[in-house]
Amino acid sequence: MKNTQFNQQFELGSNIRLPFEPKGEALALREELRNGLEKLEPRKYNHLIASLATNEKAFFDVENVLFYNIGSGAFSHLMLDELSFSLKESDKWQREKYKYVYGLEEKEHSREISDPLMEFCFTIDKMASNKKPLDYWYAFKNGKIKLIDFVKPKKFGLYIGIKAPQKYPNLTGLIKPLLDGIISAFHYQNPIEPGAISFIAEKLKIENEELVMLFDQHDYEFLGERNLVSCYRNGIKWNPEDEKCTSVNIKQKKALVNEVMISGKVEK
């Protein structure tokens, strides 16, 4: 592993892709990443920019590797206003299989999406650690959606704006179910296991028939059909094609609203 730190950015090279439950050398990698993050110092406006560079062709969720598998506590001191992350190809000078890069900027992302694939807007009562992908999926389904170009991209980017009564101090601890729920809404599924239908319908307090119709919508599900949701232990599990989402930008702002307003665009 190679660790370089200067100012408000550090990078770490490794031949290991950080797993959810690291052991041995992977555990040491997680500690190095946590130590590097600890040295980042928040400013007036805090925009964390993270990336993973690799030429590996296996399917994996870059958000898990860069944030979830490290643990949200490693980011809690940053008080983020904005978060950007991406999966990139290795450059010709990269020696290790993976390069992890994290930087904290006092600068807002300003690039406009001129030709989006989709625009959306929905509300939810709050964002919290106990929220599930189901909560965001259902809120998305009941929101305003505009599909501009019906294509099935090999990869896409997500740009999300959050307006809430108060800013969330640790945004990284809230984004996994948000992203899973939104990306799940880009798929359709039929049929679905009866047990999964019953579980979800009871949670949402809606009729089974209405739920089946929601899963079978074809109007804007540009990622196509997929075995999206199934029974798992005493609940359900989601299986969106989130590996196709290779770049994400999320901004949060305090606003005079009663509920959390979430809007966004999908970039081809």
Protein backbone atom coordinates (compact mmCIF):
# COMPACT_ATOMS: atom_id res chain seq x y z
CA MET A 1 0.00 0.00 0.00
CA LYS A 2 1.13 3.52 -0.76
CA ASN A 3 -0.27 6.48 1.15
CA THR A 4 0.26 10.10 0.10
CA GLN A 5 -1.24 13.01 2.06
CA PHE A 6 -0.99 16.74 1.40
CA ASN A 7 -3.23 19.65 2.33
CA GLN A 8 -6.85 18.48 2.08
CA GLN A 9 -6.38 15.38 -0.06
CA PHE A 10 -4.86 11.96 0.28
CA GLU A 11 -4.55 8.94 -1.97
CA LEU A 12 -3.81 5.34 -1.16
CA GLY A 13 -2.77 2.60 -3.58
CA SER A 14 -3.58 -1.04 -2.84
CA ASN A 15 -4.09 -4.36 -4.59
CA ILE A 16 -7.15 -4.97 -2.41
CA ARG A 17 -10.72 -3.84 -3.01
CA LEU A 18 -12.05 -3.14 0.47
CA PRO A 19 -14.73 -5.70 1.45
CA PHE A 20 -17.60 -5.26 3.93
CA GLU A 21 -15.96 -7.34 6.66
CA PRO A 22 -12.20 -6.91 6.12
CA LYS A 23 -9.63 -9.25 7.64
CA GLY A 24 -5.85 -9.33 7.64
CA GLU A 25 -4.36 -7.01 5.02
CA ALA A 26 -7.83 -5.66 4.14
CA LEU A 27 -8.31 -4.67 7.78
CA ALA A 28 -5.03 -2.74 7.66
CA LEU A 29 -6.24 -1.04 4.48
CA ARG A 30 -9.42 0.10 6.20
CA GLU A 31 -7.43 1.54 9.10
CA GLU A 32 -5.16 3.46 6.71
CA LEU A 33 -8.19 4.92 4.96
CA ARG A 34 -9.77 5.88 8.28
CA ASN A 35 -6.54 7.53 9.44
CA GLY A 36 -6.30 9.53 6.24
CA LEU A 37 -9.90 10.71 6.52
CA GLU A 38 -9.36 11.73 10.13
CA LYS A 39 -6.74 14.27 9.01
CA LEU A 40 -9.12 16.12 6.71
CA GLU A 41 -10.23 19.37 8.35
CA PRO A 42 -13.72 20.79 7.66
CA ARG A 43 -14.13 24.40 6.57
CA LYS A 44 -17.07 26.75 6.01
CA TYR A 45 -18.29 24.74 3.01
CA ASN A 46 -17.32 21.08 2.89
CA HIS A 47 -17.35 19.17 -0.38
CA LEU A 48 -15.85 15.68 -0.17
CA ILE A 49 -14.63 14.34 -3.51
CA ALA A 50 -13.73 10.64 -3.59
CA SER A 51 -12.78 8.25 -6.36
CA LEU A 52 -11.70 4.68 -6.91
CA ALA A 53 -9.47 4.06 -9.93
CA THR A 54 -9.13 0.53 -11.26
CA ASN A 55 -9.22 -1.49 -14.47
CA GLU A 56 -10.99 -4.39 -12.79
CA LYS A 57 -14.01 -5.56 -14.82
CA ALA A 58 -15.93 -7.29 -12.02
CA PHE A 59 -19.28 -5.82 -10.97
CA PHE A 60 -19.29 -3.99 -7.64
CA ASP A 61 -20.90 -0.97 -5.97
CA VAL A 62 -18.33 1.84 -5.78
CA GLU A 63 -20.31 3.55 -2.98
CA ASN A 64 -19.81 0.47 -0.79
CA VAL A 65 -16.06 0.41 -1.36
CA LEU A 66 -15.48 4.12 -0.80
CA PHE A 67 -17.86 4.71 2.12
CA TYR A 68 -20.05 1.91 3.47
CA ASN A 69 -17.25 -0.63 3.97
CA ILE A 70 -15.11 1.97 5.73
CA GLY A 71 -17.91 2.90 8.14
CA SER A 72 -19.83 6.17 8.30
CA GLY A 73 -18.14 7.10 11.59
CA ALA A 74 -14.91 7.83 9.70
CA PHE A 75 -16.68 10.72 7.94
CA SER A 76 -18.73 12.09 10.85
CA HIS A 77 -16.39 15.01 11.63
CA LEU A 78 -16.55 16.44 8.11
CA MET A 79 -20.06 17.98 8.36
CA LEU A 80 -20.54 17.61 4.62
CA ASP A 81 -22.51 20.05 2.50
CA GLU A 82 -21.74 18.10 -0.64
CA LEU A 83 -20.42 14.69 -1.66
CA SER A 84 -19.07 13.58 -5.04
CA PHE A 85 -17.66 10.17 -5.88
CA SER A 86 -16.80 8.21 -8.98
CA LEU A 87 -15.33 5.03 -10.42
CA LYS A 88 -12.49 5.71 -12.83
CA GLU A 89 -10.13 3.75 -15.03
CA SER A 90 -6.52 3.46 -13.91
CA ASP A 91 -4.02 5.65 -15.64
CA LYS A 92 -0.82 4.24 -17.12
CA TRP A 93 1.24 5.30 -14.08
CA GLN A 94 -0.89 3.45 -11.53
CA ARG A 95 1.06 0.53 -10.10
CA GLU A 96 -1.47 -0.94 -7.69
CA LYS A 97 -4.76 -2.51 -8.75
CA TYR A 98 -6.80 0.14 -6.91
CA LYS A 99 -6.22 3.79 -6.08
CA TYR A 100 -8.39 5.40 -3.40
CA VAL A 101 -8.52 9.20 -3.44
CA TYR A 102 -10.30 11.52 -0.99
CA GLY A 103 -10.20 15.29 -0.99
CA LEU A 104 -12.09 17.99 0.91
CA GLU A 105 -12.76 21.21 -1.00
CA GLU A 106 -14.35 24.45 0.10
CA LYS A 107 -15.98 24.72 -3.31
CA GLU A 108 -19.43 23.86 -4.63
CA HIS A 109 -19.83 21.63 -7.68
CA SER A 110 -21.05 23.86 -10.51
CA ARG A 111 -21.17 21.75 -13.71
CA GLU A 112 -24.64 21.70 -15.28
CA ILE A 113 -26.16 18.59 -16.85
CA SER A 114 -27.20 19.89 -20.26
CA ASP A 115 -28.53 16.64 -21.76
CA PRO A 116 -30.00 14.49 -18.94
CA LEU A 117 -31.58 11.11 -19.49
CA MET A 118 -34.12 11.71 -16.72
CA GLU A 119 -35.24 14.31 -14.17
CA PHE A 120 -37.09 13.47 -10.95
CA CYS A 121 -38.41 15.02 -7.74
CA PHE A 122 -40.03 13.46 -4.67
CA THR A 123 -40.55 14.07 -0.96
CA ILE A 124 -40.00 11.92 2.11
CA ASP A 125 -40.73 12.66 5.76
CA LYS A 126 -37.05 12.50 6.74
CA MET A 127 -33.72 10.85 6.00
CA ALA A 128 -32.57 8.62 8.84
CA SER A 129 -30.39 5.58 9.51
CA ASN A 130 -33.47 3.37 9.83
CA LYS A 131 -34.75 4.26 6.36
CA LYS A 132 -34.64 1.42 3.83
CA PRO A 133 -34.37 1.32 0.04
CA LEU A 134 -38.10 0.53 0.05
CA ASP A 135 -38.89 3.94 1.58
CA TYR A 136 -37.03 5.82 -1.14
CA TRP A 137 -38.25 3.52 -3.95
CA TYR A 138 -41.88 4.11 -2.98
CA ALA A 139 -41.38 7.87 -2.53
CA PHE A 140 -39.72 8.01 -5.97
CA LYS A 141 -42.63 6.09 -7.52
CA ASN A 142 -45.04 8.68 -6.11
CA GLY A 143 -42.96 11.65 -7.21
CA LYS A 144 -42.64 13.61 -10.44
CA ILE A 145 -40.60 11.85 -13.11
CA LYS A 146 -39.64 13.05 -16.57
CA LEU A 147 -37.91 10.60 -18.89
CA ILE A 148 -36.16 12.54 -21.64
CA ASP A 149 -34.39 9.76 -23.54
CA PHE A 150 -35.30 6.08 -23.20
CA VAL A 151 -31.95 4.34 -23.62
CA LYS A 152 -30.26 1.59 -21.63
CA PRO A 153 -26.84 3.07 -20.82
CA LYS A 154 -23.76 1.02 -20.08
CA LYS A 155 -23.11 3.48 -17.25
CA PHE A 156 -24.71 6.62 -15.86
CA GLY A 157 -24.25 9.40 -13.32
CA LEU A 158 -26.63 10.68 -10.65
CA TYR A 159 -26.95 14.29 -9.49
CA ILE A 160 -29.09 14.70 -6.38
CA GLY A 161 -30.18 17.76 -4.44
CA ILE A 162 -31.58 17.52 -0.91
CA LYS A 163 -33.56 20.30 0.76
CA ALA A 164 -34.36 19.67 4.43
CA PRO A 165 -35.41 21.64 7.54
CA GLN A 166 -31.91 20.98 8.93
CA LYS A 167 -28.70 19.76 7.32
CA TYR A 168 -27.66 16.20 8.09
CA PRO A 169 -24.31 16.19 9.91
CA ASN A 170 -23.13 12.87 8.43
CA LEU A 171 -24.40 12.53 4.89
CA THR A 172 -22.33 9.42 4.15
CA GLY A 173 -24.32 7.39 6.70
CA LEU A 174 -27.59 8.09 4.85
CA ILE A 175 -26.80 7.68 1.17
CA LYS A 176 -26.73 3.87 0.71
CA PRO A 177 -30.51 3.27 1.05
CA LEU A 178 -31.18 6.49 -0.86
CA LEU A 179 -29.10 5.39 -3.85
CA ASP A 180 -30.32 1.78 -3.73
CA GLY A 181 -33.94 2.93 -3.63
CA ILE A 182 -33.58 5.41 -6.49
CA ILE A 183 -31.62 3.04 -8.75
CA SER A 184 -34.11 0.25 -7.98
CA ALA A 185 -36.83 2.50 -9.41
CA PHE A 186 -35.02 2.39 -12.76
CA HIS A 187 -35.98 -1.31 -13.11
CA TYR A 188 -39.22 -3.24 -13.47
CA GLN A 189 -39.99 -6.78 -12.31
CA ASN A 190 -42.78 -9.29 -12.99
CA PRO A 191 -43.44 -11.75 -11.46
CA ILE A 192 -42.37 -11.24 -7.85
CA GLU A 193 -42.29 -13.82 -5.08
CA PRO A 194 -45.66 -13.79 -3.25
CA GLY A 195 -43.83 -13.55 0.08
CA ALA A 196 -42.00 -10.41 -1.03
CA ILE A 197 -45.25 -8.85 -2.29
CA SER A 198 -47.00 -9.55 1.00
CA PHE A 199 -44.11 -8.18 3.06
CA ILE A 200 -43.83 -4.95 1.06
CA ALA A 201 -47.58 -4.37 0.82
CA GLU A 202 -47.90 -4.71 4.59
CA LYS A 203 -45.00 -2.29 5.18
CA LEU A 204 -46.44 0.31 2.81
CA LYS A 205 -50.05 -0.35 3.80
CA ILE A 206 -51.21 -0.72 0.20
CA GLU A 207 -53.01 -3.46 -1.72
CA ASN A 208 -51.02 -6.26 -3.37
CA GLU A 209 -52.48 -5.39 -6.78
CA GLU A 210 -51.32 -1.79 -6.54
CA LEU A 211 -47.82 -2.91 -5.59
CA VAL A 212 -47.60 -5.36 -8.50
CA MET A 213 -48.54 -2.52 -10.86
CA LEU A 214 -45.78 -0.33 -9.42
CA PHE A 215 -43.17 -3.03 -9.99
CA ASP A 216 -44.45 -3.71 -13.50
CA GLN A 217 -44.31 -0.09 -14.72
CA HIS A 218 -42.38 0.29 -17.99
CA ASP A 219 -42.72 4.06 -18.50
CA TYR A 220 -39.30 5.17 -17.28
CA GLU A 221 -37.47 2.04 -16.10
CA PHE A 222 -34.55 2.56 -18.46
CA LEU A 223 -32.41 -0.17 -16.82
CA GLY A 224 -34.98 -2.76 -17.86
CA GLU A 225 -36.29 -5.94 -16.29
CA ARG A 226 -34.41 -7.51 -13.40
CA ASN A 227 -34.86 -9.86 -10.47
CA LEU A 228 -34.95 -6.73 -8.34
CA VAL A 229 -36.49 -7.74 -5.04
CA SER A 230 -36.78 -11.14 -3.34
CA CYS A 231 -37.38 -12.70 0.06
CA TYR A 232 -34.38 -12.74 2.39
CA ARG A 233 -34.40 -14.09 5.94
CA ASN A 234 -37.32 -12.34 7.65
CA GLY A 235 -37.57 -9.55 5.11
CA ILE A 236 -36.52 -8.69 1.57
CA LYS A 237 -33.35 -7.81 -0.32
CA TRP A 238 -32.85 -5.49 -3.26
CA ASN A 239 -30.65 -6.19 -6.26
CA PRO A 240 -30.48 -3.09 -8.49
CA GLU A 241 -27.91 -2.76 -11.25
CA ASP A 242 -26.10 -0.14 -9.21
CA GLU A 243 -22.68 -1.03 -10.61
CA LYS A 244 -23.71 0.95 -13.70
CA CYS A 245 -23.86 4.12 -11.60
CA THR A 246 -20.24 5.25 -11.81
CA SER A 247 -20.50 8.87 -10.65
CA VAL A 248 -22.64 10.59 -8.01
CA ASN A 249 -22.95 14.16 -6.79
CA ILE A 250 -25.16 14.94 -3.77
CA LYS A 251 -25.75 18.41 -2.31
CA GLN A 252 -27.78 19.24 0.76
CA LYS A 253 -29.18 22.63 1.74
CA LYS A 254 -31.24 23.89 4.64
CA ALA A 255 -34.62 25.17 3.44
CA LEU A 256 -38.02 26.29 4.71
CA VAL A 257 -39.71 22.94 4.12
CA ASN A 258 -41.67 20.55 6.33
CA GLU A 259 -40.55 17.40 4.52
CA VAL A 260 -37.30 16.49 2.82
CA MET A 261 -37.37 17.37 -0.87
CA ILE A 262 -35.13 15.27 -3.12
CA SER A 263 -34.61 16.15 -6.76
CA GLY A 264 -32.17 14.92 -9.31
CA LYS A 265 -31.00 14.18 -12.80
CA VAL A 266 -29.58 11.11 -14.49
CA GLU A 267 -26.64 11.74 -16.81
CA LYS A 268 -25.98 9.38 -19.71
